[in-house]
């Protein structure tokens, strides 16, 4: 089995990937600054604290542990924040990725599975969104992810780097055992905010915009279970390790849910009333993002097995309940 360096492996998606990688026999080394990750999420491999902009530290890890491939999650990922402080996003997401790819090249590591995003598509004219849709990001976060994808293309042509770019839509849910889940500081994602209201930790959830041209006026997103994302990363790694060429795929359920629909479903799962207040739209938010994940099924044999809204919410509710009880 392979030895995998997971940048950002103490974060939400990275920690779920580490758990699955370890379960199928791979050895994991987590490289994380802990700026937004959590030390307690690193349970399936060694943690090395470090910043991906530190080339010397990366080269030491890559050579010392004889790394076979990299899964790259380390990035800033708040759309609204990227509009306000874009310099941080270019510094960490773009510059940090360049430093990582340089270190990989010098160390002879030629495989990377990259955590990309549907944000590269912006506000597309066609739905569902396929991989051939022309990228047109409308916020700095999405643009930094697109730049990283293009950088990997260039490194592939120049140095033989092979990459998998996994463009996932709204990651949601939690590990079904309740060991790890979604925990951001600050929290901006809809489902954990809703569940905080159900737990009495917030008075209400804000609905950003109720005048979109959608079926109920609120924004529609394609939610994909974090465990489904983890499985896709392992499948992508296996394809590259087996000699597969560079590819990009969407990871999504193919089903969109509006903000109001998610709130209503959360009320059903939790049995709580969950107050909601309408607020102005946020800058950089498109009205609808729903994906076509056909290519992921064809290339990887992947499908979104746990990404129905009821399962996502039940798993997230279990995790948030456990976290709330242990934090008292």
Foldseek 3Di string as FASTA:
>chain_A
DFEEEEEVLQAFLNLLLLVVCVVVPYAYEYEYQVPWGDPLSPDRYHYDHDALLDLVVLLCVCQVVVGQEYEYDDADDDQQVCQVCVVRRCVRLVSSLVSNLVSCLVSVHAEYEYEAAPQQQFAFPDPPDFPPRDGDHQTSNSVSRVNSVVVQVVCCVVRVHFYEYEHEWAEFAQDQVLSDHHDGVVDDDQLVVQLCCLVVNDVAAEQAFQCDPDPRTGAKTFYFYSNLVSVLSVLRVVCVVVPHGHDYFYATQQDIDGSVRLNVLLCVLSVGPHHYHYDHHRPRDHRYHGHDGVVSCVPRVGHRPQRDSNSRNNRRSSNVVVVVVVVD
